[in-house]
Amino acid sequence: MNHKPDPGASRAPPPRVAPVFIAGVRYAQVAGDVDTDGQVGGILAAYDASSRELWRLRIYENARRPDLEGDVQDVWFRSMRAEGSLLVIENERGERFEVDPAARRVVGRAAPASQPKSDIDPISGQQRIRRPG
């Protein structure tokens, strides 16, 4: 059973995050499969110059609750960039992760990201509620 992202009325579509190239390898967010990857969002893939997938890595856990619709629970990358030989990935929750592609592992969690760049909640697609102060 393949769970590809399918924007619906439940949530806004996943953010478009450009791939990052380091030493001739392309790194991109991919839609995972619940049955094989355990989740849909939060998966990084590496590709060679011929676009052959080299490997996949789960960047963060995103367990699903069976009582909620699946697509509203998916958490996608919001941004990805190279910092030297590392990839820095920020997800829709504002969490940041440092990935060492050579070691194929998450090596650190950077400090929390600043306030979201949008007043629209990426999960619900609705206006965020701001608390005063």
Protein backbone atom coordinates (compact mmCIF):
# COMPACT_ATOMS: atom_id res chain seq x y z
CA MET A 1 0.00 0.00 0.00
CA ASN A 2 1.63 3.22 -1.12
CA HIS A 3 0.85 6.47 0.70
CA LYS A 4 2.01 9.25 -1.60
CA PRO A 5 1.17 12.84 -0.64
CA ASP A 6 -2.20 13.77 -2.06
CA PRO A 7 -3.26 17.28 -1.15
CA GLY A 8 -6.84 17.36 -0.07
CA ALA A 9 -9.18 19.53 1.91
CA SER A 10 -7.58 18.32 5.16
CA ARG A 11 -4.23 20.02 4.86
CA ALA A 12 -2.17 22.29 2.67
CA PRO A 13 0.14 20.53 0.18
CA PRO A 14 3.64 19.72 1.41
CA PRO A 15 6.16 22.55 1.02
CA ARG A 16 8.31 22.40 -2.12
CA VAL A 17 11.87 21.93 -0.97
CA ALA A 18 14.60 22.10 -3.59
CA PRO A 19 17.13 19.27 -3.66
CA VAL A 20 20.65 19.92 -2.39
CA PHE A 21 23.83 18.78 -4.15
CA ILE A 22 26.99 17.85 -2.26
CA ALA A 23 29.98 16.31 -4.07
CA GLY A 24 27.89 15.25 -7.06
CA VAL A 25 25.16 13.56 -5.01
CA ARG A 26 21.62 14.93 -5.03
CA TYR A 27 19.71 14.84 -1.72
CA ALA A 28 15.94 15.26 -1.76
CA GLN A 29 12.90 14.74 0.39
CA VAL A 30 10.83 11.77 -0.75
CA ALA A 31 7.42 10.48 0.22
CA GLY A 32 7.85 7.41 2.33
CA ASP A 33 5.51 4.45 2.52
CA VAL A 34 3.79 3.66 5.81
CA ASP A 35 4.20 -0.08 5.28
CA THR A 36 7.92 -0.05 4.43
CA ASP A 37 9.24 3.22 5.91
CA GLY A 38 6.83 3.49 8.83
CA GLN A 39 5.80 7.02 7.88
CA VAL A 40 5.21 9.29 4.90
CA GLY A 41 7.09 12.56 5.61
CA GLY A 42 10.56 12.98 7.06
CA ILE A 43 12.42 10.76 4.58
CA LEU A 44 15.64 11.83 2.81
CA ALA A 45 16.95 10.07 -0.29
CA ALA A 46 20.36 10.29 -2.01
CA TYR A 47 20.70 9.97 -5.80
CA ASP A 48 23.71 9.55 -8.07
CA ALA A 49 24.27 11.50 -11.32
CA SER A 50 22.04 9.07 -13.26
CA SER A 51 19.16 9.67 -10.76
CA ARG A 52 19.50 6.17 -9.31
CA GLU A 53 18.49 6.11 -5.64
CA LEU A 54 21.50 5.23 -3.50
CA TRP A 55 19.88 5.16 -0.07
CA ARG A 56 17.09 6.50 2.16
CA LEU A 57 17.21 7.80 5.71
CA ARG A 58 14.41 8.57 8.16
CA ILE A 59 15.33 11.98 9.58
CA TYR A 60 12.77 12.07 12.39
CA GLU A 61 10.06 9.85 13.81
CA ASN A 62 6.47 10.66 13.00
CA ALA A 63 4.26 7.98 14.52
CA ARG A 64 0.66 7.96 13.29
CA ARG A 65 -2.44 7.80 15.42
CA PRO A 66 -5.01 5.43 13.91
CA ASP A 67 -7.92 7.62 15.05
CA LEU A 68 -6.80 10.59 12.88
CA GLU A 69 -6.75 11.02 9.13
CA GLY A 70 -3.30 10.13 7.81
CA ASP A 71 -2.41 13.15 5.69
CA VAL A 72 -3.01 15.65 8.50
CA GLN A 73 -0.38 13.81 10.56
CA ASP A 74 2.38 13.87 7.94
CA VAL A 75 5.25 16.24 8.76
CA TRP A 76 7.31 17.36 5.77
CA PHE A 77 10.59 19.22 5.35
CA ARG A 78 10.17 23.00 5.26
CA SER A 79 13.77 23.67 4.18
CA MET A 80 17.04 21.91 3.46
CA ARG A 81 20.49 23.37 2.88
CA ALA A 82 24.15 22.40 2.87
CA GLU A 83 26.45 23.68 5.60
CA GLY A 84 29.87 22.38 4.66
CA SER A 85 29.56 18.62 4.38
CA LEU A 86 26.35 18.51 6.45
CA LEU A 87 22.71 18.89 5.48
CA VAL A 88 20.54 21.02 7.75
CA ILE A 89 16.86 20.16 7.53
CA GLU A 90 13.97 22.03 9.12
CA ASN A 91 10.56 20.40 9.27
CA GLU A 92 7.06 21.89 9.39
CA ARG A 93 7.10 21.77 13.19
CA GLY A 94 10.15 24.05 13.24
CA GLU A 95 12.50 21.27 14.39
CA ARG A 96 16.00 21.31 12.87
CA PHE A 97 18.22 18.33 12.17
CA GLU A 98 21.84 18.01 11.07
CA VAL A 99 22.59 15.08 8.78
CA ASP A 100 26.00 13.67 7.85
CA PRO A 101 25.37 12.20 4.39
CA ALA A 102 28.75 10.43 4.33
CA ALA A 103 27.83 8.53 7.51
CA ARG A 104 24.15 8.28 6.46
CA ARG A 105 22.88 9.37 9.86
CA VAL A 106 21.43 12.26 11.82
CA VAL A 107 24.31 13.65 13.84
CA GLY A 108 22.58 16.39 15.74
CA ARG A 109 19.56 18.41 16.42
CA ALA A 110 20.24 22.05 15.87
CA ALA A 111 18.64 24.71 18.03
CA PRO A 112 14.90 25.10 17.44
CA ALA A 113 14.02 27.13 14.40
CA SER A 114 12.69 30.63 14.71
CA GLN A 115 9.00 31.45 14.37
CA PRO A 116 7.31 29.89 11.33
CA LYS A 117 7.61 32.00 8.19
CA SER A 118 3.89 31.85 7.53
CA ASP A 119 0.73 32.63 9.46
CA ILE A 120 -0.86 29.60 7.79
CA ASP A 121 -0.54 26.31 9.68
CA PRO A 122 1.02 23.75 7.28
CA ILE A 123 -0.93 20.86 8.75
CA SER A 124 -4.45 22.29 8.71
CA GLY A 125 -4.02 25.03 6.11
CA GLN A 126 -5.83 27.38 8.50
CA GLN A 127 -4.77 30.73 9.94
CA ARG A 128 -2.53 30.31 13.02
CA ILE A 129 -3.88 31.59 16.32
CA ARG A 130 -1.38 33.93 17.97
CA ARG A 131 -1.42 34.42 21.71
CA PRO A 132 -0.69 37.95 22.90
CA GLY A 133 2.62 38.58 24.62
